[in-house]
Amino acid sequence: MPQELESGAAGLVKSALDGDQKAYKALFEMYRQAIFHIAVKIVRNPDEANDLVQETFIKAFGSLKTYDHNYRFSTWLYKIAANCSIDFLRKRKIDSMSLDKPIPTKDGDVQMEIPDDTYNPEKDLRSHEQSIGIEEAIDSLPEKYREVIVLRHKEDKSYEEIASLLNVPVGTVKARIFRARELLKKKLKSIR
């Protein structure tokens, strides 16, 4: 916030404390957009952020007497905006259910059982077979295509690094990688 705005804010705060309603409105207009940006960054919803702008100013104006003039007004106000937004998120949190706590029913307490579907042997086997298929497809490429694919995708070399290593122009490297990818697509389609 530029220094002249801060000094203007200090004068407006003093006027607002003296009961000047126009000073409140001027402070609101001066900081409304900044407060909105703070709120929307935290809550990620423009409609809720607009509500939080209002709430921030209500709280700030309600406690304007507590503002310490030794600090920047904007810092004080931004802190109120951040706190309002964080409080909003805390209140909005959904009640969670404990997985360890028994669930009371009319027939007594029941333990919740959640199946573990993280391990899937079929999926692991399929993934393993695909990676073997990809390796075999790469190995079956002609040498000039295999080496550019390996350098680019396994060793994460840039086009320029590959060109330097193979002592060929960058355009040749790009053309070989393109051709190698096309050959790999054809080979992998026939495997599936």
N, C-alpha and C. Protein backbone atom coordinates (compact mmCIF):
# COMPACT_ATOMS: atom_id res chain seq x y z
N MET A 1 0.86 -1.17 0.00
CA MET A 1 0.00 0.00 0.00
C MET A 1 0.91 1.23 0.00
N PRO A 2 0.76 2.14 -0.97
CA PRO A 2 1.59 3.33 -1.01
C PRO A 2 1.46 4.15 0.28
N GLN A 3 2.55 4.85 0.61
CA GLN A 3 2.62 5.61 1.86
C GLN A 3 1.54 6.70 1.92
N GLU A 4 1.27 7.35 0.77
CA GLU A 4 0.26 8.43 0.80
C GLU A 4 -1.13 7.88 1.12
N LEU A 5 -1.44 6.65 0.66
CA LEU A 5 -2.72 6.04 1.00
C LEU A 5 -2.79 5.75 2.50
N GLU A 6 -1.66 5.26 3.04
CA GLU A 6 -1.62 4.96 4.47
C GLU A 6 -1.82 6.23 5.29
N SER A 7 -1.16 7.30 4.88
CA SER A 7 -1.32 8.54 5.64
C SER A 7 -2.74 9.08 5.48
N GLY A 8 -3.34 8.89 4.28
CA GLY A 8 -4.73 9.27 4.07
C GLY A 8 -5.66 8.45 4.94
N ALA A 9 -5.32 7.17 5.10
CA ALA A 9 -6.12 6.28 5.94
C ALA A 9 -6.06 6.73 7.39
N ALA A 10 -4.89 7.18 7.83
CA ALA A 10 -4.75 7.62 9.23
C ALA A 10 -5.69 8.80 9.50
N GLY A 11 -5.78 9.73 8.57
CA GLY A 11 -6.68 10.87 8.72
C GLY A 11 -8.14 10.44 8.72
N LEU A 12 -8.46 9.49 7.85
CA LEU A 12 -9.83 8.98 7.78
C LEU A 12 -10.21 8.23 9.05
N VAL A 13 -9.27 7.48 9.62
CA VAL A 13 -9.54 6.75 10.86
C VAL A 13 -9.86 7.75 11.96
N LYS A 14 -9.06 8.82 12.03
CA LYS A 14 -9.30 9.84 13.06
C LYS A 14 -10.68 10.47 12.86
N SER A 15 -11.03 10.79 11.61
CA SER A 15 -12.34 11.38 11.33
C SER A 15 -13.47 10.41 11.67
N ALA A 16 -13.27 9.13 11.34
CA ALA A 16 -14.29 8.13 11.63
C ALA A 16 -14.49 8.01 13.13
N LEU A 17 -13.40 8.04 13.88
CA LEU A 17 -13.51 7.97 15.34
C LEU A 17 -14.23 9.19 15.91
N ASP A 18 -14.16 10.29 15.18
CA ASP A 18 -14.87 11.51 15.60
C ASP A 18 -16.33 11.49 15.15
N GLY A 19 -16.75 10.39 14.48
CA GLY A 19 -18.16 10.24 14.11
C GLY A 19 -18.48 10.59 12.68
N ASP A 20 -17.50 10.85 11.83
CA ASP A 20 -17.73 11.22 10.43
C ASP A 20 -18.08 9.98 9.61
N GLN A 21 -19.34 9.85 9.19
CA GLN A 21 -19.81 8.70 8.43
C GLN A 21 -19.15 8.62 7.05
N LYS A 22 -18.83 9.79 6.45
CA LYS A 22 -18.17 9.79 5.14
C LYS A 22 -16.77 9.17 5.24
N ALA A 23 -16.13 9.32 6.38
CA ALA A 23 -14.80 8.73 6.58
C ALA A 23 -14.90 7.20 6.59
N TYR A 24 -15.95 6.67 7.21
CA TYR A 24 -16.15 5.22 7.21
C TYR A 24 -16.32 4.73 5.77
N LYS A 25 -17.15 5.46 5.02
CA LYS A 25 -17.40 5.07 3.63
C LYS A 25 -16.11 5.15 2.80
N ALA A 26 -15.32 6.19 3.02
CA ALA A 26 -14.07 6.34 2.28
C ALA A 26 -13.09 5.21 2.61
N LEU A 27 -13.01 4.82 3.88
CA LEU A 27 -12.15 3.70 4.27
C LEU A 27 -12.62 2.41 3.61
N PHE A 28 -13.92 2.22 3.58
CA PHE A 28 -14.50 1.04 2.94
C PHE A 28 -14.11 0.99 1.47
N GLU A 29 -14.31 2.09 0.77
CA GLU A 29 -13.99 2.14 -0.66
C GLU A 29 -12.50 1.96 -0.91
N MET A 30 -11.68 2.51 -0.03
CA MET A 30 -10.23 2.45 -0.19
C MET A 30 -9.70 1.01 -0.08
N TYR A 31 -10.29 0.22 0.81
CA TYR A 31 -9.74 -1.10 1.11
C TYR A 31 -10.61 -2.28 0.67
N ARG A 32 -11.79 -2.00 0.12
CA ARG A 32 -12.73 -3.07 -0.22
C ARG A 32 -12.11 -4.12 -1.15
N GLN A 33 -11.48 -3.70 -2.24
CA GLN A 33 -10.91 -4.65 -3.20
C GLN A 33 -9.82 -5.50 -2.57
N ALA A 34 -8.94 -4.88 -1.79
CA ALA A 34 -7.85 -5.63 -1.16
C ALA A 34 -8.40 -6.68 -0.20
N ILE A 35 -9.42 -6.31 0.55
CA ILE A 35 -10.04 -7.25 1.50
C ILE A 35 -10.70 -8.39 0.73
N PHE A 36 -11.35 -8.07 -0.37
CA PHE A 36 -11.98 -9.10 -1.20
C PHE A 36 -10.94 -10.10 -1.69
N HIS A 37 -9.79 -9.60 -2.17
CA HIS A 37 -8.74 -10.49 -2.67
C HIS A 37 -8.20 -11.40 -1.57
N ILE A 38 -8.05 -10.88 -0.38
CA ILE A 38 -7.58 -11.70 0.74
C ILE A 38 -8.60 -12.80 1.02
N ALA A 39 -9.86 -12.42 1.12
CA ALA A 39 -10.93 -13.38 1.45
C ALA A 39 -11.08 -14.44 0.36
N VAL A 40 -11.06 -14.04 -0.89
CA VAL A 40 -11.28 -15.00 -1.98
C VAL A 40 -10.10 -15.96 -2.09
N LYS A 41 -8.91 -15.50 -1.75
CA LYS A 41 -7.75 -16.40 -1.75
C LYS A 41 -7.91 -17.48 -0.68
N ILE A 42 -8.50 -17.13 0.43
CA ILE A 42 -8.64 -18.08 1.53
C ILE A 42 -9.85 -18.99 1.34
N VAL A 43 -11.01 -18.43 1.02
CA VAL A 43 -12.23 -19.25 0.94
C VAL A 43 -12.53 -19.78 -0.46
N ARG A 44 -11.89 -19.21 -1.47
CA ARG A 44 -12.02 -19.66 -2.86
C ARG A 44 -13.45 -19.63 -3.39
N ASN A 45 -14.21 -18.65 -2.95
CA ASN A 45 -15.58 -18.50 -3.42
C ASN A 45 -15.92 -17.02 -3.40
N PRO A 46 -16.13 -16.41 -4.58
CA PRO A 46 -16.38 -14.97 -4.64
C PRO A 46 -17.59 -14.49 -3.84
N ASP A 47 -18.68 -15.28 -3.85
CA ASP A 47 -19.87 -14.85 -3.11
C ASP A 47 -19.59 -14.82 -1.60
N GLU A 48 -18.94 -15.87 -1.11
CA GLU A 48 -18.60 -15.90 0.32
C GLU A 48 -17.57 -14.81 0.64
N ALA A 49 -16.67 -14.55 -0.29
CA ALA A 49 -15.66 -13.50 -0.07
C ALA A 49 -16.33 -12.13 0.05
N ASN A 50 -17.38 -11.89 -0.76
CA ASN A 50 -18.10 -10.61 -0.65
C ASN A 50 -18.75 -10.47 0.73
N ASP A 51 -19.31 -11.56 1.23
CA ASP A 51 -19.89 -11.52 2.58
C ASP A 51 -18.81 -11.25 3.62
N LEU A 52 -17.65 -11.84 3.41
CA LEU A 52 -16.55 -11.66 4.37
C LEU A 52 -16.00 -10.24 4.33
N VAL A 53 -16.09 -9.57 3.19
CA VAL A 53 -15.68 -8.16 3.12
C VAL A 53 -16.57 -7.35 4.07
N GLN A 54 -17.86 -7.60 3.99
CA GLN A 54 -18.80 -6.89 4.87
C GLN A 54 -18.51 -7.19 6.33
N GLU A 55 -18.31 -8.47 6.63
CA GLU A 55 -18.04 -8.87 8.01
C GLU A 55 -16.74 -8.24 8.53
N THR A 56 -15.73 -8.20 7.67
CA THR A 56 -14.44 -7.60 8.05
C THR A 56 -14.63 -6.14 8.45
N PHE A 57 -15.35 -5.39 7.63
CA PHE A 57 -15.53 -3.97 7.93
C PHE A 57 -16.42 -3.76 9.16
N ILE A 58 -17.40 -4.62 9.34
CA ILE A 58 -18.24 -4.50 10.54
C ILE A 58 -17.38 -4.68 11.79
N LYS A 59 -16.53 -5.73 11.77
CA LYS A 59 -15.66 -5.98 12.92
C LYS A 59 -14.64 -4.86 13.10
N ALA A 60 -14.04 -4.43 11.98
CA ALA A 60 -13.02 -3.37 12.06
C ALA A 60 -13.61 -2.07 12.58
N PHE A 61 -14.73 -1.67 12.02
CA PHE A 61 -15.33 -0.41 12.45
C PHE A 61 -15.85 -0.51 13.88
N GLY A 62 -16.28 -1.71 14.28
CA GLY A 62 -16.75 -1.91 15.64
C GLY A 62 -15.63 -1.82 16.66
N SER A 63 -14.41 -2.14 16.24
CA SER A 63 -13.28 -2.09 17.18
C SER A 63 -12.24 -1.07 16.76
N LEU A 64 -12.66 -0.06 16.02
CA LEU A 64 -11.74 0.98 15.53
C LEU A 64 -11.03 1.69 16.68
N LYS A 65 -11.68 1.77 17.82
CA LYS A 65 -11.07 2.43 18.98
C LYS A 65 -9.83 1.67 19.46
N THR A 66 -9.77 0.37 19.16
CA THR A 66 -8.63 -0.43 19.63
C THR A 66 -7.45 -0.37 18.66
N TYR A 67 -7.63 0.22 17.47
CA TYR A 67 -6.55 0.30 16.48
C TYR A 67 -5.39 1.12 17.04
N ASP A 68 -4.18 0.56 16.98
CA ASP A 68 -2.97 1.23 17.46
C ASP A 68 -2.35 2.02 16.30
N HIS A 69 -2.33 3.33 16.41
CA HIS A 69 -1.85 4.20 15.34
C HIS A 69 -0.35 4.09 15.09
N ASN A 70 0.36 3.32 15.91
CA ASN A 70 1.78 3.11 15.67
C ASN A 70 2.01 2.11 14.54
N TYR A 71 0.96 1.41 14.14
CA TYR A 71 1.05 0.41 13.07
C TYR A 71 0.23 0.86 11.88
N ARG A 72 0.52 0.26 10.73
CA ARG A 72 -0.23 0.60 9.51
C ARG A 72 -1.67 0.14 9.64
N PHE A 73 -2.58 0.97 9.23
CA PHE A 73 -4.00 0.63 9.26
C PHE A 73 -4.29 -0.58 8.36
N SER A 74 -3.66 -0.59 7.18
CA SER A 74 -3.91 -1.68 6.24
C SER A 74 -3.51 -3.03 6.84
N THR A 75 -2.39 -3.09 7.55
CA THR A 75 -1.95 -4.34 8.17
C THR A 75 -2.99 -4.82 9.18
N TRP A 76 -3.46 -3.91 10.00
CA TRP A 76 -4.47 -4.23 11.01
C TRP A 76 -5.75 -4.75 10.34
N LEU A 77 -6.18 -4.06 9.30
CA LEU A 77 -7.40 -4.42 8.59
C LEU A 77 -7.25 -5.77 7.88
N TYR A 78 -6.09 -6.00 7.24
CA TYR A 78 -5.85 -7.26 6.52
C TYR A 78 -5.84 -8.44 7.49
N LYS A 79 -5.33 -8.20 8.67
CA LYS A 79 -5.30 -9.27 9.69
C LYS A 79 -6.74 -9.63 10.08
N ILE A 80 -7.59 -8.64 10.24
CA ILE A 80 -9.00 -8.89 10.56
C ILE A 80 -9.65 -9.68 9.43
N ALA A 81 -9.36 -9.30 8.18
CA ALA A 81 -9.93 -10.00 7.01
C ALA A 81 -9.50 -11.46 6.99
N ALA A 82 -8.21 -11.70 7.22
CA ALA A 82 -7.70 -13.07 7.22
C ALA A 82 -8.35 -13.88 8.35
N ASN A 83 -8.45 -13.29 9.52
CA ASN A 83 -9.06 -14.00 10.65
C ASN A 83 -10.53 -14.31 10.39
N CYS A 84 -11.26 -13.36 9.81
CA CYS A 84 -12.68 -13.60 9.48
C CYS A 84 -12.80 -14.76 8.49
N SER A 85 -11.93 -14.78 7.50
CA SER A 85 -11.98 -15.82 6.48
C SER A 85 -11.64 -17.18 7.07
N ILE A 86 -10.62 -17.24 7.90
CA ILE A 86 -10.23 -18.50 8.53
C ILE A 86 -11.33 -18.99 9.47
N ASP A 87 -11.91 -18.07 10.24
CA ASP A 87 -13.02 -18.44 11.13
C ASP A 87 -14.20 -19.00 10.32
N PHE A 88 -14.46 -18.38 9.18
CA PHE A 88 -15.54 -18.84 8.31
C PHE A 88 -15.29 -20.29 7.88
N LEU A 89 -14.06 -20.59 7.48
CA LEU A 89 -13.72 -21.96 7.05
C LEU A 89 -13.86 -22.94 8.21
N ARG A 90 -13.44 -22.53 9.39
CA ARG A 90 -13.56 -23.42 10.56
C ARG A 90 -15.02 -23.74 10.86
N LYS A 91 -15.88 -22.73 10.78
CA LYS A 91 -17.30 -22.95 11.08
C LYS A 91 -17.96 -23.83 10.02
N ARG A 92 -17.46 -23.74 8.79
CA ARG A 92 -18.07 -24.46 7.68
C ARG A 92 -17.65 -25.92 7.61
N LYS A 93 -16.61 -26.27 8.33
CA LYS A 93 -16.12 -27.66 8.26
C LYS A 93 -17.25 -28.63 8.56
N ILE A 94 -17.26 -29.69 7.81
CA ILE A 94 -18.29 -30.72 7.95
C ILE A 94 -17.95 -31.59 9.15
N ASP A 95 -18.99 -31.93 9.90
CA ASP A 95 -18.78 -32.85 11.02
C ASP A 95 -18.24 -34.16 10.47
N SER A 96 -17.19 -34.63 11.06
CA SER A 96 -16.61 -35.87 10.58
C SER A 96 -17.02 -37.02 11.49
N MET A 97 -16.96 -38.20 10.93
CA MET A 97 -17.36 -39.38 11.68
C MET A 97 -16.10 -40.19 11.98
N SER A 98 -15.95 -40.62 13.21
CA SER A 98 -14.80 -41.41 13.60
C SER A 98 -14.93 -42.82 13.05
N LEU A 99 -13.83 -43.33 12.52
CA LEU A 99 -13.84 -44.70 12.00
C LEU A 99 -13.63 -45.71 13.12
N ASP A 100 -13.07 -45.24 14.24
CA ASP A 100 -12.79 -46.14 15.36
C ASP A 100 -13.94 -46.24 16.35
N LYS A 101 -14.78 -45.23 16.40
CA LYS A 101 -15.86 -45.17 17.38
C LYS A 101 -17.04 -46.03 16.92
N PRO A 102 -17.55 -46.89 17.79
CA PRO A 102 -18.71 -47.72 17.41
C PRO A 102 -19.94 -46.86 17.09
N ILE A 103 -20.78 -47.37 16.21
CA ILE A 103 -22.00 -46.67 15.81
C ILE A 103 -23.16 -47.27 16.59
N PRO A 104 -23.86 -46.43 17.38
CA PRO A 104 -24.99 -46.98 18.15
C PRO A 104 -26.18 -47.28 17.24
N THR A 105 -26.76 -48.46 17.41
CA THR A 105 -27.98 -48.83 16.69
C THR A 105 -28.98 -49.37 17.72
N LYS A 106 -30.20 -49.67 17.30
CA LYS A 106 -31.20 -50.18 18.25
C LYS A 106 -30.83 -51.56 18.76
N ASP A 107 -30.01 -52.27 17.99
CA ASP A 107 -29.59 -53.62 18.41
C ASP A 107 -28.24 -53.62 19.13
N GLY A 108 -27.71 -52.48 19.39
CA GLY A 108 -26.41 -52.39 20.06
C GLY A 108 -25.40 -51.65 19.18
N ASP A 109 -24.19 -51.53 19.72
CA ASP A 109 -23.15 -50.82 18.98
C ASP A 109 -22.57 -51.70 17.87
N VAL A 110 -22.26 -51.05 16.76
CA VAL A 110 -21.70 -51.76 15.62
C VAL A 110 -20.38 -51.08 15.23
N GLN A 111 -19.36 -51.89 15.00
CA GLN A 111 -18.08 -51.36 14.53
C GLN A 111 -18.17 -51.12 13.02
N MET A 112 -17.62 -50.01 12.58
CA MET A 112 -17.61 -49.74 11.15
C MET A 112 -16.46 -50.51 10.51
N GLU A 113 -16.77 -51.20 9.43
CA GLU A 113 -15.75 -51.92 8.70
C GLU A 113 -15.65 -51.31 7.30
N ILE A 114 -14.46 -50.89 6.98
CA ILE A 114 -14.23 -50.27 5.67
C ILE A 114 -13.28 -51.17 4.89
N PRO A 115 -13.72 -51.60 3.71
CA PRO A 115 -12.86 -52.49 2.93
C PRO A 115 -11.62 -51.77 2.44
N ASP A 116 -10.51 -52.49 2.37
CA ASP A 116 -9.26 -51.95 1.85
C ASP A 116 -9.18 -52.33 0.38
N ASP A 117 -9.45 -51.34 -0.46
CA ASP A 117 -9.39 -51.62 -1.89
C ASP A 117 -8.15 -50.98 -2.53
N THR A 118 -7.16 -50.68 -1.69
CA THR A 118 -5.96 -50.05 -2.22
C THR A 118 -5.09 -51.04 -2.99
N TYR A 119 -5.09 -52.30 -2.59
CA TYR A 119 -4.27 -53.29 -3.30
C TYR A 119 -5.15 -54.07 -4.26
N ASN A 120 -4.76 -54.05 -5.50
CA ASN A 120 -5.50 -54.76 -6.53
C ASN A 120 -4.48 -55.55 -7.35
N PRO A 121 -4.35 -56.86 -7.09
CA PRO A 121 -3.33 -57.66 -7.79
C PRO A 121 -3.49 -57.63 -9.31
N GLU A 122 -4.73 -57.64 -9.79
CA GLU A 122 -4.96 -57.60 -11.23
C GLU A 122 -4.43 -56.31 -11.83
N LYS A 123 -4.72 -55.21 -11.17
CA LYS A 123 -4.26 -53.91 -11.65
C LYS A 123 -2.73 -53.85 -11.64
N ASP A 124 -2.12 -54.36 -10.57
CA ASP A 124 -0.67 -54.38 -10.48
C ASP A 124 -0.07 -55.22 -11.59
N LEU A 125 -0.66 -56.37 -11.86
CA LEU A 125 -0.17 -57.26 -12.91
C LEU A 125 -0.30 -56.59 -14.28
N ARG A 126 -1.46 -55.98 -14.52
CA ARG A 126 -1.69 -55.28 -15.78
C ARG A 126 -0.67 -54.15 -15.97
N SER A 127 -0.44 -53.39 -14.89
CA SER A 127 0.52 -52.29 -14.95
C SER A 127 1.93 -52.82 -15.23
N HIS A 128 2.27 -53.92 -14.58
CA HIS A 128 3.58 -54.54 -14.78
C HIS A 128 3.74 -55.03 -16.23
N GLU A 129 2.68 -55.68 -16.74
CA GLU A 129 2.72 -56.17 -18.12
C GLU A 129 2.85 -55.01 -19.11
N GLN A 130 2.14 -53.91 -18.83
CA GLN A 130 2.23 -52.75 -19.72
C GLN A 130 3.64 -52.17 -19.72
N SER A 131 4.25 -52.07 -18.53
CA SER A 131 5.59 -51.49 -18.48
C SER A 131 6.59 -52.40 -19.21
N ILE A 132 6.39 -53.73 -19.09
CA ILE A 132 7.24 -54.66 -19.84
C ILE A 132 7.01 -54.48 -21.34
N GLY A 133 5.74 -54.32 -21.73
CA GLY A 133 5.40 -54.10 -23.13
C GLY A 133 6.02 -52.82 -23.68
N ILE A 134 6.02 -51.77 -22.88
CA ILE A 134 6.61 -50.51 -23.30
C ILE A 134 8.12 -50.66 -23.45
N GLU A 135 8.75 -51.33 -22.48
CA GLU A 135 10.20 -51.56 -22.55
C GLU A 135 10.56 -52.36 -23.80
N GLU A 136 9.78 -53.40 -24.06
CA GLU A 136 10.04 -54.23 -25.24
C GLU A 136 9.86 -53.41 -26.52
N ALA A 137 8.82 -52.55 -26.53
CA ALA A 137 8.58 -51.72 -27.71
C ALA A 137 9.74 -50.75 -27.93
N ILE A 138 10.24 -50.16 -26.85
CA ILE A 138 11.38 -49.24 -26.96
C ILE A 138 12.62 -49.99 -27.45
N ASP A 139 12.84 -51.19 -26.87
CA ASP A 139 14.01 -51.99 -27.26
C ASP A 139 13.96 -52.41 -28.73
N SER A 140 12.75 -52.54 -29.28
CA SER A 140 12.63 -52.99 -30.67
C SER A 140 12.78 -51.86 -31.69
N LEU A 141 12.88 -50.61 -31.21
CA LEU A 141 13.04 -49.47 -32.12
C LEU A 141 14.43 -49.51 -32.77
N PRO A 142 14.54 -48.98 -33.99
CA PRO A 142 15.88 -48.84 -34.58
C PRO A 142 16.74 -47.97 -33.66
N GLU A 143 18.05 -48.22 -33.67
CA GLU A 143 18.99 -47.58 -32.73
C GLU A 143 18.84 -46.06 -32.66
N LYS A 144 18.77 -45.37 -33.82
CA LYS A 144 18.74 -43.90 -33.79
C LYS A 144 17.47 -43.37 -33.12
N TYR A 145 16.37 -44.13 -33.16
CA TYR A 145 15.14 -43.72 -32.49
C TYR A 145 15.15 -44.12 -31.01
N ARG A 146 15.68 -45.30 -30.75
CA ARG A 146 15.73 -45.78 -29.37
C ARG A 146 16.59 -44.85 -28.50
N GLU A 147 17.75 -44.43 -29.03
CA GLU A 147 18.63 -43.62 -28.20
C GLU A 147 18.02 -42.25 -27.88
N VAL A 148 17.29 -41.62 -28.82
CA VAL A 148 16.68 -40.32 -28.50
C VAL A 148 15.54 -40.46 -27.50
N ILE A 149 14.77 -41.56 -27.61
CA ILE A 149 13.67 -41.79 -26.65
C ILE A 149 14.23 -42.02 -25.25
N VAL A 150 15.26 -42.83 -25.15
CA VAL A 150 15.87 -43.12 -23.86
C VAL A 150 16.46 -41.84 -23.25
N LEU A 151 17.18 -41.07 -24.06
CA LEU A 151 17.79 -39.83 -23.55
C LEU A 151 16.72 -38.82 -23.12
N ARG A 152 15.66 -38.73 -23.90
CA ARG A 152 14.62 -37.73 -23.62
C ARG A 152 13.72 -38.15 -22.44
N HIS A 153 13.23 -39.39 -22.46
CA HIS A 153 12.20 -39.78 -21.50
C HIS A 153 12.71 -40.55 -20.29
N LYS A 154 13.85 -41.19 -20.39
CA LYS A 154 14.38 -41.90 -19.22
C LYS A 154 15.42 -41.07 -18.50
N GLU A 155 16.20 -40.31 -19.27
CA GLU A 155 17.27 -39.52 -18.65
C GLU A 155 16.92 -38.04 -18.56
N ASP A 156 15.71 -37.67 -19.02
CA ASP A 156 15.21 -36.28 -18.95
C ASP A 156 16.17 -35.25 -19.53
N LYS A 157 16.78 -35.57 -20.65
CA LYS A 157 17.68 -34.63 -21.32
C LYS A 157 16.87 -33.68 -22.19
N SER A 158 17.36 -32.45 -22.33
CA SER A 158 16.71 -31.48 -23.21
C SER A 158 17.08 -31.80 -24.65
N TYR A 159 16.35 -31.20 -25.59
CA TYR A 159 16.67 -31.41 -27.00
C TYR A 159 18.10 -30.97 -27.29
N GLU A 160 18.49 -29.86 -26.70
CA GLU A 160 19.83 -29.32 -26.92
C GLU A 160 20.90 -30.27 -26.39
N GLU A 161 20.66 -30.84 -25.20
CA GLU A 161 21.62 -31.79 -24.62
C GLU A 161 21.75 -33.03 -25.50
N ILE A 162 20.62 -33.52 -25.99
CA ILE A 162 20.63 -34.71 -26.85
C ILE A 162 21.40 -34.41 -28.13
N ALA A 163 21.13 -33.24 -28.73
CA ALA A 163 21.82 -32.85 -29.96
C ALA A 163 23.32 -32.80 -29.74
N SER A 164 23.73 -32.26 -28.60
CA SER A 164 25.15 -32.17 -28.28
C SER A 164 25.76 -33.56 -28.08
N LEU A 165 25.06 -34.43 -27.36
CA LEU A 165 25.56 -35.79 -27.11
C LEU A 165 25.69 -36.60 -28.40
N LEU A 166 24.72 -36.44 -29.30
CA LEU A 166 24.71 -37.24 -30.53
C LEU A 166 25.41 -36.54 -31.69
N ASN A 167 25.79 -35.27 -31.45
CA ASN A 167 26.47 -34.47 -32.47
C ASN A 167 25.62 -34.34 -33.75
N VAL A 168 24.32 -34.01 -33.51
CA VAL A 168 23.39 -33.77 -34.61
C VAL A 168 22.63 -32.47 -34.33
N PRO A 169 22.02 -31.86 -35.35
CA PRO A 169 21.24 -30.64 -35.10
C PRO A 169 20.00 -30.92 -34.24
N VAL A 170 19.52 -29.87 -33.54
CA VAL A 170 18.33 -29.99 -32.68
C VAL A 170 17.11 -30.43 -33.50
N GLY A 171 17.00 -29.91 -34.72
CA GLY A 171 15.89 -30.29 -35.59
C GLY A 171 15.87 -31.78 -35.87
N THR A 172 17.03 -32.37 -36.03
CA THR A 172 17.13 -33.82 -36.25
C THR A 172 16.66 -34.58 -35.02
N VAL A 173 17.06 -34.08 -33.85
CA VAL A 173 16.63 -34.71 -32.59
C VAL A 173 15.11 -34.69 -32.49
N LYS A 174 14.51 -33.54 -32.76
CA LYS A 174 13.05 -33.42 -32.68
C LYS A 174 12.36 -34.35 -33.67
N ALA A 175 12.90 -34.42 -34.88
CA ALA A 175 12.31 -35.28 -35.90
C ALA A 175 12.41 -36.76 -35.49
N ARG A 176 13.56 -37.16 -34.94
CA ARG A 176 13.73 -38.55 -34.51
C ARG A 176 12.80 -38.90 -33.35
N ILE A 177 12.65 -37.96 -32.41
CA ILE A 177 11.75 -38.22 -31.28
C ILE A 177 10.31 -38.35 -31.78
N PHE A 178 9.92 -37.47 -32.69
CA PHE A 178 8.57 -37.55 -33.25
C PHE A 178 8.36 -38.90 -33.92
N ARG A 179 9.32 -39.30 -34.76
CA ARG A 179 9.20 -40.57 -35.49
C ARG A 179 9.20 -41.76 -34.51
N ALA A 180 10.04 -41.69 -33.49
CA ALA A 180 10.11 -42.77 -32.49
C ALA A 180 8.78 -42.90 -31.76
N ARG A 181 8.17 -41.80 -31.41
CA ARG A 181 6.87 -41.84 -30.73
C ARG A 181 5.79 -42.46 -31.62
N GLU A 182 5.82 -42.11 -32.89
CA GLU A 182 4.85 -42.67 -33.83
C GLU A 182 5.02 -44.19 -33.93
N LEU A 183 6.29 -44.65 -34.03
CA LEU A 183 6.55 -46.08 -34.08
C LEU A 183 6.09 -46.78 -32.80
N LEU A 184 6.34 -46.14 -31.65
CA LEU A 184 5.92 -46.71 -30.37
C LEU A 184 4.40 -46.83 -30.28
N LYS A 185 3.69 -45.81 -30.75
CA LYS A 185 2.22 -45.87 -30.73
C LYS A 185 1.72 -47.07 -31.50
N LYS A 186 2.29 -47.29 -32.69
CA LYS A 186 1.87 -48.42 -33.53
C LYS A 186 2.17 -49.74 -32.85
N LYS A 187 3.38 -49.86 -32.27
CA LYS A 187 3.76 -51.11 -31.61
C LYS A 187 2.87 -51.39 -30.39
N LEU A 188 2.59 -50.34 -29.61
CA LEU A 188 1.80 -50.52 -28.40
C LEU A 188 0.33 -50.81 -28.72
N LYS A 189 -0.18 -50.28 -29.82
CA LYS A 189 -1.56 -50.59 -30.23
C LYS A 189 -1.68 -52.07 -30.56
N SER A 190 -0.67 -52.62 -31.20
CA SER A 190 -0.73 -54.03 -31.58
C SER A 190 -0.60 -54.95 -30.38
N ILE A 191 0.01 -54.47 -29.30
CA ILE A 191 0.16 -55.28 -28.08
C ILE A 191 -1.18 -55.38 -27.34
N ARG A 192 -1.92 -54.30 -27.29
CA ARG A 192 -3.16 -54.26 -26.50
C ARG A 192 -4.24 -55.06 -27.09
